[in-house]
C-alpha atoms as a PDB file:
ATOM      1  CA  MET A   1      -0.139  -0.067   0.172  1.00  0.00           C
ATOM      2  CA  THR A   2       1.061   3.489  -0.875  1.00  0.00           C
ATOM      3  CA  THR A   3       0.565   6.136   1.655  1.00  0.00           C
ATOM      4  CA  ILE A   4       1.205   9.734   0.353  1.00  0.00           C
ATOM      5  CA  GLY A   5       1.303  12.744   2.386  1.00  0.00           C
ATOM      6  CA  ALA A   6       0.067  16.186   2.728  1.00  0.00           C
ATOM      7  CA  LEU A   7       0.667  18.150  -0.457  1.00  0.00           C
ATOM      8  CA  ALA A   8       1.029  22.053  -1.135  1.00  0.00           C
ATOM      9  CA  PHE A   9      -0.508  23.550  -4.292  1.00  0.00           C
ATOM     10  CA  SER A  10       0.802  26.884  -5.098  1.00  0.00           C
ATOM     11  CA  PRO A  11       2.751  26.565  -8.061  1.00  0.00           C
ATOM     12  CA  GLU A  12       6.268  27.264  -6.548  1.00  0.00           C
ATOM     13  CA  LYS A  13       5.967  24.687  -3.468  1.00  0.00           C
ATOM     14  CA  ARG A  14       4.436  21.028  -5.813  1.00  0.00           C
ATOM     15  CA  ARG A  15       6.641  18.456  -4.867  1.00  0.00           C
ATOM     16  CA  HIS A  16       5.024  16.543  -8.273  1.00  0.00           C
ATOM     17  CA  PRO A  17       5.246  16.690 -11.844  1.00  0.00           C
ATOM     18  CA  ARG A  18       1.721  17.666 -13.201  1.00  0.00           C
ATOM     19  CA  VAL A  19       0.416  16.237 -16.684  1.00  0.00           C
ATOM     20  CA  ILE A  20      -2.606  16.991 -18.248  1.00  0.00           C
ATOM     21  CA  PHE A  21      -4.896  14.142 -17.745  1.00  0.00           C
ATOM     22  CA  THR A  22      -8.369  14.064 -18.940  1.00  0.00           C
ATOM     23  CA  ARG A  23     -10.513  10.958 -17.988  1.00  0.00           C
ATOM     24  CA  SER A  24     -13.802  10.650 -16.107  1.00  0.00           C
ATOM     25  CA  VAL A  25     -13.269   9.548 -12.286  1.00  0.00           C
ATOM     26  CA  LYS A  26     -16.568   8.862  -9.912  1.00  0.00           C
ATOM     27  CA  VAL A  27     -15.811  11.026  -6.662  1.00  0.00           C
ATOM     28  CA  TYR A  28     -17.540   9.231  -3.204  1.00  0.00           C
ATOM     29  CA  LEU A  29     -18.420  11.356  -0.427  1.00  0.00           C
ATOM     30  CA  ARG A  30     -19.241   9.432   2.529  1.00  0.00           C
ATOM     31  CA  ASP A  31     -19.957   6.325   0.663  1.00  0.00           C
ATOM     32  CA  GLN A  32     -22.681   7.668  -1.262  1.00  0.00           C
ATOM     33  CA  LEU A  33     -21.652   8.165  -5.098  1.00  0.00           C
ATOM     34  CA  HIS A  34     -21.628  11.790  -5.772  1.00  0.00           C
ATOM     35  CA  GLY A  35     -21.087  12.091  -9.596  1.00  0.00           C
ATOM     36  CA  ARG A  36     -18.887  11.470 -12.024  1.00  0.00           C
ATOM     37  CA  PHE A  37     -16.292  14.161 -13.425  1.00  0.00           C
ATOM     38  CA  LYS A  38     -13.909  15.084 -15.393  1.00  0.00           C
ATOM     39  CA  THR A  39      -9.472  15.019 -14.044  1.00  0.00           C
ATOM     40  CA  ARG A  40      -7.796  17.877 -15.358  1.00  0.00           C
ATOM     41  CA  ASN A  41      -3.824  17.054 -14.456  1.00  0.00           C
ATOM     42  CA  LEU A  42      -2.811  14.526 -12.542  1.00  0.00           C
ATOM     43  CA  SER A  43       0.691  14.192 -10.500  1.00  0.00           C
ATOM     44  CA  LEU A  44       1.654  11.879  -8.406  1.00  0.00           C
ATOM     45  CA  GLY A  45       0.409  13.781  -5.285  1.00  0.00           C
ATOM     46  CA  GLY A  46      -2.665  14.695  -6.681  1.00  0.00           C
ATOM     47  CA  MET A  47      -5.446  15.617  -9.826  1.00  0.00           C
ATOM     48  CA  TYR A  48      -7.593  18.375 -10.331  1.00  0.00           C
ATOM     49  CA  VAL A  49     -11.216  17.470 -10.770  1.00  0.00           C
ATOM     50  CA  GLU A  50     -13.553  19.537 -12.832  1.00  0.00           C
ATOM     51  CA  GLY A  51     -17.263  20.470 -11.984  1.00  0.00           C
ATOM     52  CA  ALA A  52     -17.354  19.300  -8.060  1.00  0.00           C
ATOM     53  CA  SER A  53     -16.625  22.630  -7.009  1.00  0.00           C
ATOM     54  CA  ASP A  54     -18.990  21.832  -4.110  1.00  0.00           C
ATOM     55  CA  LEU A  55     -16.913  19.464  -2.233  1.00  0.00           C
ATOM     56  CA  PRO A  56     -15.507  21.826   1.043  1.00  0.00           C
ATOM     57  CA  VAL A  57     -11.827  21.678   1.370  1.00  0.00           C
ATOM     58  CA  GLY A  58     -10.810  19.322   3.863  1.00  0.00           C
ATOM     59  CA  GLU A  59     -13.804  16.638   3.237  1.00  0.00           C
ATOM     60  CA  ASP A  60     -12.284  13.073   2.282  1.00  0.00           C
ATOM     61  CA  LEU A  61     -13.053  11.308  -0.880  1.00  0.00           C
ATOM     62  CA  ARG A  62     -13.044   7.902  -2.483  1.00  0.00           C
ATOM     63  CA  LEU A  63     -12.442   8.034  -5.985  1.00  0.00           C
ATOM     64  CA  GLU A  64     -12.675   5.074  -9.046  1.00  0.00           C
ATOM     65  CA  LEU A  65     -10.896   5.853 -11.936  1.00  0.00           C
ATOM     66  CA  TYR A  66     -11.673   2.773 -14.574  1.00  0.00           C
ATOM     67  CA  GLU A  67      -9.047   2.294 -17.417  1.00  0.00           C
ATOM     68  CA  THR A  68      -9.838   0.043 -20.196  1.00  0.00           C
ATOM     69  CA  GLY A  69      -7.453  -1.223 -23.310  1.00  0.00           C
ATOM     70  CA  ARG A  70      -7.529  -3.507 -25.485  1.00  0.00           C
ATOM     71  CA  LYS A  71      -6.856  -6.928 -23.460  1.00  0.00           C
ATOM     72  CA  SER A  72      -8.440  -6.046 -19.787  1.00  0.00           C
ATOM     73  CA  SER A  73      -9.743  -3.608 -17.738  1.00  0.00           C
ATOM     74  CA  LEU A  74      -8.504  -1.854 -14.451  1.00  0.00           C
ATOM     75  CA  ILE A  75     -10.523  -0.555 -11.836  1.00  0.00           C
ATOM     76  CA  LEU A  76      -7.985   2.486  -9.193  1.00  0.00           C
ATOM     77  CA  THR A  77      -9.176   2.898  -6.433  1.00  0.00           C
ATOM     78  CA  ILE A  78      -8.280   6.356  -4.384  1.00  0.00           C
ATOM     79  CA  LEU A  79      -8.106   7.804  -1.258  1.00  0.00           C
ATOM     80  CA  ALA A  80      -7.701  11.972  -1.113  1.00  0.00           C
ATOM     81  CA  LYS A  81      -8.871  14.642   0.638  1.00  0.00           C
ATOM     82  CA  VAL A  82     -10.106  17.974  -1.202  1.00  0.00           C
ATOM     83  CA  CYS A  83      -7.207  20.780  -0.787  1.00  0.00           C
ATOM     84  CA  ARG A  84      -8.720  23.395  -2.407  1.00  0.00           C
ATOM     85  CA  ASN A  85     -12.012  24.538  -4.641  1.00  0.00           C
ATOM     86  CA  ASP A  86     -12.581  27.122  -6.939  1.00  0.00           C
ATOM     87  CA  ALA A  87     -15.734  27.575  -9.450  1.00  0.00           C
ATOM     88  CA  GLY A  88     -14.466  25.007 -11.919  1.00  0.00           C
ATOM     89  CA  GLY A  89     -13.538  22.144  -9.527  1.00  0.00           C
ATOM     90  CA  VAL A  90     -11.559  20.423  -6.706  1.00  0.00           C
ATOM     91  CA  GLY A  91      -7.984  20.054  -6.242  1.00  0.00           C
ATOM     92  CA  VAL A  92      -7.842  16.391  -4.399  1.00  0.00           C
ATOM     93  CA  HIS A  93      -4.594  15.462  -2.893  1.00  0.00           C
ATOM     94  CA  PHE A  94      -4.068  11.482  -2.350  1.00  0.00           C
ATOM     95  CA  THR A  95      -3.813  10.203   1.165  1.00  0.00           C
ATOM     96  CA  HIS A  96      -3.907   6.480   0.179  1.00  0.00           C
ATOM     97  CA  MET A  97      -3.814   4.169  -2.744  1.00  0.00           C
ATOM     98  CA  GLU A  98      -2.687   0.419  -3.549  1.00  0.00           C
ATOM     99  CA  ASP A  99       0.979  -0.004  -5.297  1.00  0.00           C
ATOM    100  CA  ASP A 100      -0.800  -1.216  -8.360  1.00  0.00           C
ATOM    101  CA  SER A 101      -2.201   2.002  -8.975  1.00  0.00           C
ATOM    102  CA  PHE A 102       0.276   4.068  -7.756  1.00  0.00           C
ATOM    103  CA  MET A 103       2.608   2.783 -10.387  1.00  0.00           C
ATOM    104  CA  PHE A 104      -0.418   2.842 -13.117  1.00  0.00           C
ATOM    105  CA  LEU A 105      -0.440   6.620 -12.289  1.00  0.00           C
ATOM    106  CA  GLN A 106       3.434   6.753 -12.182  1.00  0.00           C
ATOM    107  CA  THR A 107       3.329   5.541 -15.707  1.00  0.00           C
ATOM    108  CA  MET A 108       1.026   7.835 -16.937  1.00  0.00           C
ATOM    109  CA  VAL A 109       2.798  10.659 -15.445  1.00  0.00           C
ATOM    110  CA  LEU A 110       6.242   9.875 -16.992  1.00  0.00           C
ATOM    111  CA  TYR A 111       4.543   9.189 -20.814  1.00  0.00           C
ATOM    112  CA  SER A 112       2.096  12.159 -20.384  1.00  0.00           C
ATOM    113  CA  SER A 113       5.422  14.529 -19.837  1.00  0.00           C
ATOM    114  CA  ASP A 114       6.635  16.701 -21.916  1.00  0.00           C
ATOM    115  CA  ASP A 115       9.661  16.196 -19.953  1.00  0.00           C
ATOM    116  CA  PRO A 116      10.351  12.102 -18.887  1.00  0.00           C
ATOM    117  CA  ILE A 117      13.481  12.398 -18.658  1.00  0.00           C
ATOM    118  CA  GLY A 118      13.217  14.668 -16.109  1.00  0.00           C
ATOM    119  CA  VAL A 119      10.200  13.370 -14.310  1.00  0.00           C
ATOM    120  CA  ALA A 120      12.433  10.111 -14.508  1.00  0.00           C
ATOM    121  CA  GLU A 121      15.155  11.735 -12.552  1.00  0.00           C
ATOM    122  CA  HIS A 122      11.872  13.047  -9.797  1.00  0.00           C
ATOM    123  CA  PHE A 123      10.424   9.222  -9.389  1.00  0.00           C
ATOM    124  CA  LEU A 124      14.607   8.473  -8.878  1.00  0.00           C
ATOM    125  CA  GLU A 125      14.952  11.118  -6.315  1.00  0.00           C
ATOM    126  CA  GLY A 126      11.767  10.227  -4.386  1.00  0.00           C
ATOM    127  CA  PHE A 127      12.652   6.184  -4.563  1.00  0.00           C
ATOM    128  CA  ALA A 128      16.560   6.554  -3.058  1.00  0.00           C
ATOM    129  CA  SER A 129      15.436   9.226  -0.482  1.00  0.00           C
ATOM    130  CA  LYS A 130      13.108   6.311   0.407  1.00  0.00           C
ATOM    131  CA  SER A 131      15.337   3.069   0.102  1.00  0.00           C
ATOM    132  CA  THR A 132      18.709   4.984   1.451  1.00  0.00           C
ATOM    133  CA  PRO A 133      19.125   3.196   4.971  1.00  0.00           C
ATOM    134  CA  ALA A 134      19.669   5.530   8.042  1.00  0.00           C
ATOM    135  CA  ARG A 135      23.322   5.301   9.510  1.00  0.00           C
END
């Protein structure tokens, strides 16, 4: 399981590269379907959900993304928290997801980036700092 810490969303404080990511996402609030919305962008720390502007900051959500390919389908279930809202939608940061969901999102960010080498280096920096044993 992958747990992701709190992130700031101001441009100069973003920890993760953002990419355009237009998918449909189901948003659940308190285990009730709140609606189906479109995403605008994605990072390993969160995403922007268009049209869900009525969700209050601080609210815990469950997101479901459906990916279908030629030979298989995948449902990603992600726990998230609303960190900002505006007239167009909400920014959410991810709080928990399974490892396979994290790897899928990591792949989407890598392949959607204008700078895949820079994104890969960013991934490796994070991996190295978590993998290095404390002395």
